Amino acid sequence: MSAKQLSEKFAQMDLPLIEELVVPLPELIGLFTLWTRRLRNWKHSTVANFAEVSVSTIERVERKGQ
């Protein structure tokens, strides 16, 4: 998915305006993770090392955003 496609997907998401602190939607976390990793041109293993989780966890999180 290109950066343009990712930004278009962000724009299409119907996110409610909430004044309270809430847990973000899993789809939003996955999309943000994927978008950030690709913009930085990082491998899954790089993100996994920073987050101190397994590569499969990063892959699973990103699948939620697709």
PDB file of N, CA and C in Angstrom:
ATOM      1  N   MET A   1       0.851  -1.163   0.000  1.00  0.00           N
ATOM      2  CA  MET A   1       0.000   0.000   0.000  1.00  0.00           C
ATOM      3  C   MET A   1       0.903   1.234   0.000  1.00  0.00           C
ATOM      4  N   SER A   2       0.651   2.141  -0.897  1.00  0.00           N
ATOM      5  CA  SER A   2       1.477   3.341  -0.997  1.00  0.00           C
ATOM      6  C   SER A   2       1.091   4.355   0.087  1.00  0.00           C
ATOM      7  N   ALA A   3       1.948   5.354   0.286  1.00  0.00           N
ATOM      8  CA  ALA A   3       1.660   6.399   1.275  1.00  0.00           C
ATOM      9  C   ALA A   3       0.390   7.149   0.899  1.00  0.00           C
ATOM     10  N   LYS A   4       0.167   7.345  -0.401  1.00  0.00           N
ATOM     11  CA  LYS A   4      -1.036   8.041  -0.855  1.00  0.00           C
ATOM     12  C   LYS A   4      -2.285   7.220  -0.513  1.00  0.00           C
ATOM     13  N   GLN A   5      -2.217   5.906  -0.746  1.00  0.00           N
ATOM     14  CA  GLN A   5      -3.346   5.042  -0.425  1.00  0.00           C
ATOM     15  C   GLN A   5      -3.614   5.024   1.080  1.00  0.00           C
ATOM     16  N   LEU A   6      -2.541   5.019   1.870  1.00  0.00           N
ATOM     17  CA  LEU A   6      -2.701   5.038   3.325  1.00  0.00           C
ATOM     18  C   LEU A   6      -3.358   6.325   3.802  1.00  0.00           C
ATOM     19  N   SER A   7      -2.922   7.456   3.246  1.00  0.00           N
ATOM     20  CA  SER A   7      -3.515   8.731   3.665  1.00  0.00           C
ATOM     21  C   SER A   7      -4.972   8.825   3.226  1.00  0.00           C
ATOM     22  N   GLU A   8      -5.305   8.255   2.067  1.00  0.00           N
ATOM     23  CA  GLU A   8      -6.694   8.239   1.620  1.00  0.00           C
ATOM     24  C   GLU A   8      -7.546   7.372   2.541  1.00  0.00           C
ATOM     25  N   LYS A   9      -6.970   6.267   3.014  1.00  0.00           N
ATOM     26  CA  LYS A   9      -7.697   5.401   3.931  1.00  0.00           C
ATOM     27  C   LYS A   9      -7.965   6.113   5.254  1.00  0.00           C
ATOM     28  N   PHE A  10      -6.978   6.878   5.739  1.00  0.00           N
ATOM     29  CA  PHE A  10      -7.188   7.685   6.947  1.00  0.00           C
ATOM     30  C   PHE A  10      -8.338   8.666   6.731  1.00  0.00           C
ATOM     31  N   ALA A  11      -8.348   9.312   5.571  1.00  0.00           N
ATOM     32  CA  ALA A  11      -9.372  10.314   5.283  1.00  0.00           C
ATOM     33  C   ALA A  11     -10.768   9.694   5.220  1.00  0.00           C
ATOM     34  N   GLN A  12     -10.866   8.448   4.806  1.00  0.00           N
ATOM     35  CA  GLN A  12     -12.159   7.784   4.667  1.00  0.00           C
ATOM     36  C   GLN A  12     -12.713   7.269   5.990  1.00  0.00           C
ATOM     37  N   MET A  13     -11.870   7.157   6.990  1.00  0.00           N
ATOM     38  CA  MET A  13     -12.327   6.615   8.271  1.00  0.00           C
ATOM     39  C   MET A  13     -13.278   7.596   8.939  1.00  0.00           C
ATOM     40  N   ASP A  14     -14.394   7.069   9.409  1.00  0.00           N
ATOM     41  CA  ASP A  14     -15.385   7.881  10.097  1.00  0.00           C
ATOM     42  C   ASP A  14     -15.082   7.853  11.588  1.00  0.00           C
ATOM     43  N   LEU A  15     -14.306   8.806  12.042  1.00  0.00           N
ATOM     44  CA  LEU A  15     -13.890   8.851  13.443  1.00  0.00           C
ATOM     45  C   LEU A  15     -14.706   9.893  14.194  1.00  0.00           C
ATOM     46  N   PRO A  16     -15.351   9.482  15.276  1.00  0.00           N
ATOM     47  CA  PRO A  16     -16.159  10.430  16.041  1.00  0.00           C
ATOM     48  C   PRO A  16     -15.277  11.421  16.808  1.00  0.00           C
ATOM     49  N   LEU A  17     -15.795  12.627  16.978  1.00  0.00           N
ATOM     50  CA  LEU A  17     -15.110  13.620  17.798  1.00  0.00           C
ATOM     51  C   LEU A  17     -15.538  13.406  19.243  1.00  0.00           C
ATOM     52  N   ILE A  18     -14.573  13.063  20.077  1.00  0.00           N
ATOM     53  CA  ILE A  18     -14.866  12.749  21.475  1.00  0.00           C
ATOM     54  C   ILE A  18     -13.974  13.613  22.356  1.00  0.00           C
ATOM     55  N   GLU A  19     -14.562  14.183  23.382  1.00  0.00           N
ATOM     56  CA  GLU A  19     -13.805  15.053  24.276  1.00  0.00           C
ATOM     57  C   GLU A  19     -13.198  14.308  25.450  1.00  0.00           C
ATOM     58  N   GLU A  20     -13.487  13.025  25.576  1.00  0.00           N
ATOM     59  CA  GLU A  20     -12.931  12.225  26.655  1.00  0.00           C
ATOM     60  C   GLU A  20     -11.800  11.368  26.120  1.00  0.00           C
ATOM     61  N   LEU A  21     -10.945  10.898  27.020  1.00  0.00           N
ATOM     62  CA  LEU A  21      -9.897   9.977  26.616  1.00  0.00           C
ATOM     63  C   LEU A  21     -10.510   8.607  26.376  1.00  0.00           C
ATOM     64  N   VAL A  22     -10.223   8.046  25.218  1.00  0.00           N
ATOM     65  CA  VAL A  22     -10.737   6.720  24.882  1.00  0.00           C
ATOM     66  C   VAL A  22      -9.621   5.898  24.248  1.00  0.00           C
ATOM     67  N   VAL A  23      -9.795   4.595  24.249  1.00  0.00           N
ATOM     68  CA  VAL A  23      -8.845   3.699  23.593  1.00  0.00           C
ATOM     69  C   VAL A  23      -9.110   3.775  22.092  1.00  0.00           C
ATOM     70  N   PRO A  24      -8.075   3.990  21.274  1.00  0.00           N
ATOM     71  CA  PRO A  24      -8.285   4.073  19.829  1.00  0.00           C
ATOM     72  C   PRO A  24      -8.785   2.748  19.256  1.00  0.00           C
ATOM     73  N   LEU A  25      -9.472   2.838  18.137  1.00  0.00           N
ATOM     74  CA  LEU A  25      -9.951   1.644  17.453  1.00  0.00           C
ATOM     75  C   LEU A  25      -8.765   0.803  16.995  1.00  0.00           C
ATOM     76  N   PRO A  26      -8.874  -0.522  17.077  1.00  0.00           N
ATOM     77  CA  PRO A  26      -7.778  -1.388  16.615  1.00  0.00           C
ATOM     78  C   PRO A  26      -7.394  -1.128  15.157  1.00  0.00           C
ATOM     79  N   GLU A  27      -8.391  -0.806  14.319  1.00  0.00           N
ATOM     80  CA  GLU A  27      -8.120  -0.513  12.914  1.00  0.00           C
ATOM     81  C   GLU A  27      -7.236   0.724  12.767  1.00  0.00           C
ATOM     82  N   LEU A  28      -7.474   1.721  13.618  1.00  0.00           N
ATOM     83  CA  LEU A  28      -6.686   2.946  13.571  1.00  0.00           C
ATOM     84  C   LEU A  28      -5.257   2.699  14.032  1.00  0.00           C
ATOM     85  N   ILE A  29      -5.086   1.900  15.072  1.00  0.00           N
ATOM     86  CA  ILE A  29      -3.747   1.564  15.557  1.00  0.00           C
ATOM     87  C   ILE A  29      -2.984   0.794  14.487  1.00  0.00           C
ATOM     88  N   GLY A  30      -3.656  -0.176  13.868  1.00  0.00           N
ATOM     89  CA  GLY A  30      -3.021  -0.965  12.824  1.00  0.00           C
ATOM     90  C   GLY A  30      -2.623  -0.123  11.622  1.00  0.00           C
ATOM     91  N   LEU A  31      -3.518   0.747  11.198  1.00  0.00           N
ATOM     92  CA  LEU A  31      -3.237   1.602  10.055  1.00  0.00           C
ATOM     93  C   LEU A  31      -2.103   2.574  10.365  1.00  0.00           C
ATOM     94  N   PHE A  32      -2.107   3.157  11.563  1.00  0.00           N
ATOM     95  CA  PHE A  32      -1.049   4.084  11.953  1.00  0.00           C
ATOM     96  C   PHE A  32       0.307   3.383  12.028  1.00  0.00           C
ATOM     97  N   THR A  33       0.313   2.168  12.576  1.00  0.00           N
ATOM     98  CA  THR A  33       1.552   1.391  12.676  1.00  0.00           C
ATOM     99  C   THR A  33       2.110   1.088  11.292  1.00  0.00           C
ATOM    100  N   LEU A  34       1.246   0.618  10.403  1.00  0.00           N
ATOM    101  CA  LEU A  34       1.652   0.300   9.035  1.00  0.00           C
ATOM    102  C   LEU A  34       2.164   1.546   8.316  1.00  0.00           C
ATOM    103  N   TRP A  35       1.429   2.626   8.438  1.00  0.00           N
ATOM    104  CA  TRP A  35       1.769   3.886   7.765  1.00  0.00           C
ATOM    105  C   TRP A  35       3.122   4.412   8.250  1.00  0.00           C
ATOM    106  N   THR A  36       3.303   4.443   9.549  1.00  0.00           N
ATOM    107  CA  THR A  36       4.550   4.943  10.121  1.00  0.00           C
ATOM    108  C   THR A  36       5.735   4.070   9.726  1.00  0.00           C
ATOM    109  N   ARG A  37       5.554   2.752   9.803  1.00  0.00           N
ATOM    110  CA  ARG A  37       6.643   1.835   9.447  1.00  0.00           C
ATOM    111  C   ARG A  37       7.051   2.010   7.990  1.00  0.00           C
ATOM    112  N   ARG A  38       6.081   2.144   7.118  1.00  0.00           N
ATOM    113  CA  ARG A  38       6.402   2.300   5.693  1.00  0.00           C
ATOM    114  C   ARG A  38       7.019   3.664   5.388  1.00  0.00           C
ATOM    115  N   LEU A  39       6.549   4.705   6.054  1.00  0.00           N
ATOM    116  CA  LEU A  39       7.145   6.036   5.841  1.00  0.00           C
ATOM    117  C   LEU A  39       8.608   6.065   6.266  1.00  0.00           C
ATOM    118  N   ARG A  40       8.933   5.337   7.323  1.00  0.00           N
ATOM    119  CA  ARG A  40      10.309   5.281   7.804  1.00  0.00           C
ATOM    120  C   ARG A  40      11.130   4.200   7.104  1.00  0.00           C
ATOM    121  N   ASN A  41      10.442   3.411   6.269  1.00  0.00           N
ATOM    122  CA  ASN A  41      11.095   2.335   5.528  1.00  0.00           C
ATOM    123  C   ASN A  41      11.742   1.327   6.476  1.00  0.00           C
ATOM    124  N   TRP A  42      11.001   0.976   7.537  1.00  0.00           N
ATOM    125  CA  TRP A  42      11.478   0.024   8.526  1.00  0.00           C
ATOM    126  C   TRP A  42      10.916  -1.358   8.232  1.00  0.00           C
ATOM    127  N   LYS A  43      11.640  -2.377   8.643  1.00  0.00           N
ATOM    128  CA  LYS A  43      11.167  -3.747   8.568  1.00  0.00           C
ATOM    129  C   LYS A  43      10.308  -4.027   9.798  1.00  0.00           C
ATOM    130  N   HIS A  44       9.512  -5.085   9.697  1.00  0.00           N
ATOM    131  CA  HIS A  44       8.704  -5.490  10.850  1.00  0.00           C
ATOM    132  C   HIS A  44       9.591  -5.738  12.071  1.00  0.00           C
ATOM    133  N   SER A  45      10.754  -6.321  11.832  1.00  0.00           N
ATOM    134  CA  SER A  45      11.642  -6.657  12.953  1.00  0.00           C
ATOM    135  C   SER A  45      12.151  -5.404  13.676  1.00  0.00           C
ATOM    136  N   THR A  46      12.338  -4.315  12.953  1.00  0.00           N
ATOM    137  CA  THR A  46      12.794  -3.070  13.577  1.00  0.00           C
ATOM    138  C   THR A  46      11.735  -2.542  14.545  1.00  0.00           C
ATOM    139  N   VAL A  47      10.495  -2.515  14.086  1.00  0.00           N
ATOM    140  CA  VAL A  47       9.398  -2.043  14.941  1.00  0.00           C
ATOM    141  C   VAL A  47       9.223  -2.982  16.139  1.00  0.00           C
ATOM    142  N   ALA A  48       9.313  -4.279  15.883  1.00  0.00           N
ATOM    143  CA  ALA A  48       9.163  -5.258  16.959  1.00  0.00           C
ATOM    144  C   ALA A  48      10.243  -5.069  18.026  1.00  0.00           C
ATOM    145  N   ASN A  49      11.464  -4.800  17.603  1.00  0.00           N
ATOM    146  CA  ASN A  49      12.539  -4.564  18.570  1.00  0.00           C
ATOM    147  C   ASN A  49      12.278  -3.319  19.408  1.00  0.00           C
ATOM    148  N   PHE A  50      11.834  -2.238  18.768  1.00  0.00           N
ATOM    149  CA  PHE A  50      11.529  -1.008  19.518  1.00  0.00           C
ATOM    150  C   PHE A  50      10.398  -1.235  20.516  1.00  0.00           C
ATOM    151  N   ALA A  51       9.374  -1.975  20.092  1.00  0.00           N
ATOM    152  CA  ALA A  51       8.201  -2.199  20.940  1.00  0.00           C
ATOM    153  C   ALA A  51       8.401  -3.352  21.918  1.00  0.00           C
ATOM    154  N   GLU A  52       9.497  -4.083  21.761  1.00  0.00           N
ATOM    155  CA  GLU A  52       9.792  -5.248  22.598  1.00  0.00           C
ATOM    156  C   GLU A  52       8.673  -6.284  22.534  1.00  0.00           C
ATOM    157  N   VAL A  53       8.231  -6.558  21.291  1.00  0.00           N
ATOM    158  CA  VAL A  53       7.240  -7.600  21.026  1.00  0.00           C
ATOM    159  C   VAL A  53       7.753  -8.443  19.865  1.00  0.00           C
ATOM    160  N   SER A  54       7.038  -9.507  19.533  1.00  0.00           N
ATOM    161  CA  SER A  54       7.458 -10.366  18.427  1.00  0.00           C
ATOM    162  C   SER A  54       7.063  -9.760  17.080  1.00  0.00           C
ATOM    163  N   VAL A  55       7.728 -10.228  16.043  1.00  0.00           N
ATOM    164  CA  VAL A  55       7.417  -9.782  14.682  1.00  0.00           C
ATOM    165  C   VAL A  55       5.980 -10.158  14.338  1.00  0.00           C
ATOM    166  N   SER A  56       5.547 -11.330  14.766  1.00  0.00           N
ATOM    167  CA  SER A  56       4.173 -11.755  14.459  1.00  0.00           C
ATOM    168  C   SER A  56       3.139 -10.825  15.098  1.00  0.00           C
ATOM    169  N   THR A  57       3.464 -10.241  16.245  1.00  0.00           N
ATOM    170  CA  THR A  57       2.555  -9.276  16.875  1.00  0.00           C
ATOM    171  C   THR A  57       2.410  -8.032  16.013  1.00  0.00           C
ATOM    172  N   ILE A  58       3.516  -7.512  15.497  1.00  0.00           N
ATOM    173  CA  ILE A  58       3.470  -6.339  14.623  1.00  0.00           C
ATOM    174  C   ILE A  58       2.672  -6.654  13.360  1.00  0.00           C
ATOM    175  N   GLU A  59       2.908  -7.824  12.783  1.00  0.00           N
ATOM    176  CA  GLU A  59       2.174  -8.223  11.577  1.00  0.00           C
ATOM    177  C   GLU A  59       0.675  -8.318  11.865  1.00  0.00           C
ATOM    178  N   ARG A  60       0.313  -8.868  13.021  1.00  0.00           N
ATOM    179  CA  ARG A  60      -1.094  -9.001  13.391  1.00  0.00           C
ATOM    180  C   ARG A  60      -1.738  -7.623  13.596  1.00  0.00           C
ATOM    181  N   VAL A  61      -1.024  -6.719  14.254  1.00  0.00           N
ATOM    182  CA  VAL A  61      -1.539  -5.363  14.472  1.00  0.00           C
ATOM    183  C   VAL A  61      -1.772  -4.677  13.131  1.00  0.00           C
ATOM    184  N   GLU A  62      -0.810  -4.789  12.213  1.00  0.00           N
ATOM    185  CA  GLU A  62      -0.947  -4.130  10.915  1.00  0.00           C
ATOM    186  C   GLU A  62      -2.080  -4.724  10.081  1.00  0.00           C
ATOM    187  N   ARG A  63      -2.341  -6.013  10.217  1.00  0.00           N
ATOM    188  CA  ARG A  63      -3.445  -6.628   9.465  1.00  0.00           C
ATOM    189  C   ARG A  63      -4.781  -6.028   9.860  1.00  0.00           C
ATOM    190  N   LYS A  64      -4.896  -5.579  11.101  1.00  0.00           N
ATOM    191  CA  LYS A  64      -6.154  -4.945  11.553  1.00  0.00           C
ATOM    192  C   LYS A  64      -6.418  -3.650  10.793  1.00  0.00           C
ATOM    193  N   GLY A  65      -5.364  -2.984  10.337  1.00  0.00           N
ATOM    194  CA  GLY A  65      -5.511  -1.704   9.648  1.00  0.00           C
ATOM    195  C   GLY A  65      -5.717  -1.816   8.151  1.00  0.00           C
ATOM    196  N   GLN A  66      -5.675  -3.012   7.632  1.00  0.00           N
ATOM    197  CA  GLN A  66      -5.810  -3.162   6.173  1.00  0.00           C
ATOM    198  C   GLN A  66      -7.224  -3.450   5.767  1.00  0.00           C
TER     199      GLN A  66
END
